C-alpha cells in the first residue's frame, strides 16, 4: 500500500489528467464530455474534484457500443470483445449513425487514445446518444479519460 501522501497525489493527478485530456480531444475536433476542476470543503479539508457534465441531461439516452455490438454479431465475448474484425463489422452494420462517419470517429479515437496513452478504451465507454423526443442519433462525446497519460505511474514505470 502506498503512503497516504502518494495516494492523494495519484488521485489529484487523475483529476487533472481527466480534465486535460478531455480538453485535448475537444481541441483536435473530437467532441468530449465537458469537465471542470473545482474544490469543495469536507470537515475542514479542501478537496480537488473533477466535475463531469452529464451529456444526457437533455433527455438523451446513451447506448454504449458494447450493447449495440452485442445485438449485431454473434461473438464468444458478447459485446465486450475488442477483436478488430468484429468491431469493424459492427460499425458497418449498426443503424444509429452514418457508418462512414462512425468508422472515421473510431479511428480518430484510436489514434488520439494511443497518443494520450489511454489503455482503458473499451466498448463500454463510447457509443451513441439518442434524443427521445426526435429519435435523432449522434455519436456520444468522448468520456472517461481518467486512464490517459499513465494515471498510476510508480517507481517501476519507465
Protein backbone atom coordinates (compact mmCIF):
# COMPACT_ATOMS: atom_id res chain seq x y z
CA UNK A 1 0.00 0.00 0.00
CA UNK A 2 1.23 3.47 -0.85
CA UNK A 3 1.78 6.11 1.79
CA UNK A 4 -1.21 8.45 2.12
CA UNK A 5 0.57 11.43 0.51
CA UNK A 6 1.35 9.31 -2.62
CA UNK A 7 -2.26 8.07 -2.78
CA UNK A 8 -3.52 11.67 -2.64
CA UNK A 9 -1.01 12.66 -5.34
CA UNK A 10 -2.31 9.93 -7.65
CA UNK A 11 -5.93 10.92 -7.09
CA UNK A 12 -5.08 14.58 -7.82
CA UNK A 13 -3.13 13.56 -10.93
CA UNK A 14 -6.04 11.55 -12.35
CA UNK A 15 -8.38 14.52 -11.82
CA UNK A 16 -6.11 16.86 -13.74
CA UNK A 17 -5.41 14.34 -16.48
CA UNK A 18 -9.14 13.71 -16.98
CA UNK A 19 -9.66 17.44 -17.49
CA UNK A 20 -6.58 17.97 -19.68
CA UNK A 21 -7.35 15.01 -21.92
CA UNK A 22 -10.99 16.00 -22.43
CA UNK A 23 -9.72 19.43 -23.47
CA UNK A 24 -7.23 17.86 -25.88
CA UNK A 25 -9.97 15.77 -27.52
CA UNK A 26 -12.12 18.90 -27.94
CA UNK A 27 -9.20 20.97 -29.28
CA UNK A 28 -8.48 18.49 -32.07
CA UNK A 29 -12.13 18.19 -33.05
CA UNK A 30 -13.35 15.09 -31.22
CA UNK A 31 -16.31 16.08 -29.09
CA UNK A 32 -15.62 15.23 -25.45
CA UNK A 33 -17.55 15.47 -22.23
CA UNK A 34 -17.23 18.85 -20.55
CA UNK A 35 -15.16 18.70 -17.38
CA UNK A 36 -14.48 21.30 -14.72
CA UNK A 37 -11.89 21.38 -11.96
CA UNK A 38 -13.05 22.73 -8.66
CA UNK A 39 -12.76 22.40 -4.93
CA UNK A 40 -15.08 21.76 -2.04
CA UNK A 41 -14.57 21.50 1.67
CA UNK A 42 -15.43 18.46 3.76
CA UNK A 43 -14.82 18.51 7.50
CA UNK A 44 -12.46 21.46 7.10
CA UNK A 45 -10.37 19.81 4.35
CA UNK A 46 -10.34 21.29 0.86
CA UNK A 47 -10.67 18.61 -1.81
CA UNK A 48 -9.99 19.00 -5.54
CA UNK A 49 -12.64 17.48 -7.77
CA UNK A 50 -13.26 16.97 -11.45
CA UNK A 51 -16.91 17.57 -12.26
CA UNK A 52 -18.13 15.96 -15.47
CA UNK A 53 -21.17 17.44 -17.18
CA UNK A 54 -23.93 14.90 -17.77
CA UNK A 55 -24.31 14.68 -21.54
CA UNK A 56 -27.71 13.00 -21.16
CA UNK A 57 -29.24 15.86 -19.14
CA UNK A 58 -31.29 16.94 -22.17
CA UNK A 59 -33.19 13.66 -22.00
CA UNK A 60 -31.00 11.81 -24.47
CA UNK A 61 -30.23 8.16 -23.80
CA UNK A 62 -26.69 6.80 -24.01
CA UNK A 63 -26.19 3.43 -25.73
CA UNK A 64 -22.68 2.08 -25.35
CA UNK A 65 -21.06 0.39 -28.32
CA UNK A 66 -20.85 -2.85 -26.33
CA UNK A 67 -24.66 -3.11 -26.21
CA UNK A 68 -25.01 -2.30 -29.90
CA UNK A 69 -22.26 -4.70 -30.94
CA UNK A 70 -23.90 -7.43 -28.88
CA UNK A 71 -27.10 -7.15 -30.96
CA UNK A 72 -25.25 -7.19 -34.30
CA UNK A 73 -22.79 -10.05 -34.21
CA UNK A 74 -22.52 -13.40 -32.52
CA UNK A 75 -19.27 -13.40 -30.58
CA UNK A 76 -17.96 -15.55 -27.79
CA UNK A 77 -17.12 -12.31 -25.93
CA UNK A 78 -20.56 -10.76 -26.43
CA UNK A 79 -20.25 -7.02 -26.95
CA UNK A 80 -17.17 -6.68 -24.79
CA UNK A 81 -14.75 -8.32 -27.21
CA UNK A 82 -12.32 -5.97 -28.91
CA UNK A 83 -11.44 -8.10 -31.92
CA UNK A 84 -10.91 -5.57 -34.67
CA UNK A 85 -12.85 -7.53 -37.31
CA UNK A 86 -15.91 -7.72 -35.02
CA UNK A 87 -15.72 -4.03 -34.15
CA UNK A 88 -15.44 -3.03 -37.81
CA UNK A 89 -18.32 -5.32 -38.79
CA UNK A 90 -20.48 -3.82 -36.06
CA UNK A 91 -19.61 -0.28 -37.15
CA UNK A 92 -20.64 -1.16 -40.69
CA UNK A 93 -23.91 -2.86 -39.71
CA UNK A 94 -25.16 -0.53 -36.95
CA UNK A 95 -28.06 1.79 -37.84
CA UNK A 96 -27.57 4.63 -35.35
CA UNK A 97 -25.35 6.95 -37.39
CA UNK A 98 -23.69 7.03 -40.79
CA UNK A 99 -21.27 4.08 -40.89
CA UNK A 100 -18.58 6.05 -42.72
CA UNK A 101 -18.68 8.82 -40.10
CA UNK A 102 -18.58 6.29 -37.27
CA UNK A 103 -15.61 4.48 -38.82
CA UNK A 104 -13.73 7.78 -39.10
CA UNK A 105 -14.62 8.58 -35.47
CA UNK A 106 -13.41 5.14 -34.35
CA UNK A 107 -10.01 5.54 -36.00
CA UNK A 108 -9.64 9.14 -34.77
CA UNK A 109 -10.41 7.95 -31.24
CA UNK A 110 -7.95 5.09 -31.68
CA UNK A 111 -5.12 7.43 -32.73
CA UNK A 112 -5.75 10.02 -30.00
CA UNK A 113 -6.06 7.29 -27.37
CA UNK A 114 -2.67 5.97 -28.49
CA UNK A 115 -1.10 9.43 -28.31
CA UNK A 116 -2.57 10.05 -24.84
CA UNK A 117 -1.65 6.55 -23.61
CA UNK A 118 -5.28 5.70 -22.88
CA UNK A 119 -5.14 2.00 -22.13
CA UNK A 120 -8.75 1.86 -20.94
CA UNK A 121 -10.76 2.37 -24.15
CA UNK A 122 -13.29 -0.42 -24.42
CA UNK A 123 -16.71 -0.95 -25.98
CA UNK A 124 -18.49 0.29 -22.86
CA UNK A 125 -17.06 3.80 -22.80
CA UNK A 126 -18.00 5.08 -26.22
CA UNK A 127 -21.25 4.96 -28.15
CA UNK A 128 -24.33 6.88 -29.18
CA UNK A 129 -26.82 9.38 -27.86
CA UNK A 130 -30.46 9.05 -28.88
CA UNK A 131 -32.76 12.02 -28.37
CA UNK A 132 -36.02 10.60 -27.01
CA UNK A 133 -38.13 13.42 -28.45
CA UNK A 134 -36.83 13.37 -32.01
CA UNK A 135 -35.26 9.88 -32.22
CA UNK A 136 -32.18 11.56 -33.70
CA UNK A 137 -28.92 9.73 -33.06
CA UNK A 138 -25.40 11.08 -32.74
CA UNK A 139 -22.02 9.87 -31.63
CA UNK A 140 -21.71 10.47 -27.89
CA UNK A 141 -18.98 12.74 -26.61
CA UNK A 142 -15.76 11.03 -25.60
CA UNK A 143 -15.64 10.41 -21.86
CA UNK A 144 -13.69 8.50 -19.21
CA UNK A 145 -10.22 9.95 -19.76
CA UNK A 146 -9.03 9.00 -16.28
CA UNK A 147 -6.63 6.38 -17.63
CA UNK A 148 -4.80 8.70 -20.03
CA UNK A 149 -1.22 9.85 -19.56
CA UNK A 150 -0.22 6.98 -17.27
CA UNK A 151 -2.51 7.63 -14.30
CA UNK A 152 -0.76 5.22 -11.93
CA UNK A 153 2.96 5.55 -12.51
CA UNK A 154 5.23 4.11 -9.88
CA UNK A 155 8.91 3.52 -9.39
CA UNK A 156 8.76 0.59 -11.85
CA UNK A 157 7.24 2.67 -14.67
CA UNK A 158 9.66 3.89 -17.27
